Amino acid sequence: MTKVVIFDFDGTISDIMELVSDIANDILPDYGRPQGLSQKDIQTLRTMTIPQALRYMKIPAYRLPKLAIVARQELTKRIEELKPIAGITEVLKTMSDNDVEMGIVTSNSRKNVMSFLRKNDLKHHFSFVEAGASIFGKSRNIRHAMKKQRIDREDCIYVGDEIRDIEACKAIKLDCISVTWGANARSILEKRNPSAVIDEPKQLLELILPN
């Protein structure tokens, strides 16, 4: 049985994709993409890495840091609009009832995460939240959280929605479950060979809880 599950936040616990689409259409005209993003664009982008996505949108890489800051600011303004992924609330409760320790490691801000958790009555399920972007990458944040919480790698698994989550976990030899309801599609997630790929939150219970 897995003793500790560390979750990503954006797109894994919070249903952020529609809001991201709205924000992108508001701000992308200032970054050289006046047409914004259609639904077809979004589905195409879900099969791409970040460098591929930037080329697809014709946004120079040097503009990405500023774009990320502006997008995060807009997200903070609209954080109250975020809802949990359908089915995730029940899964978190079941894992809590079965004594699975849970935490969050995310590049989103702690303020945003805590606001979301409180609003949706999810805070009590998580024993720790490690939030904020790092210049050293996500693997450093995950490793720091595990060290701080005294979590052994063999007792832990990470759950995320992006290929960078898989890459971060591989860098520290940590098992990773990839979910298909967030930023990246199943096709590109499978190519990175995570420990498992799932399509519905309830499948977490089959992988994490004992039979």
Foldseek 3Di string as FASTA:
>chain_A
DQQEEEEEPAFFWKLCPVVLQVLQQVPVCVQPQPVRADPVLQQVQQADDPVVNCVVSVGDPVCVVVVVVSSLVVCVVVLVVIDTDPPQVVLLVVCVVVNRAYEYEYQRDPVSVVVHCVVHVNVVSHPYYHYHDDPVARLVSVVVVCVVVVHDQVNYEYEEADCSVLVSCVVVVHAYEHEQRGRHHPVNNVVSPGVYYDHDNVVVCVVPPDD
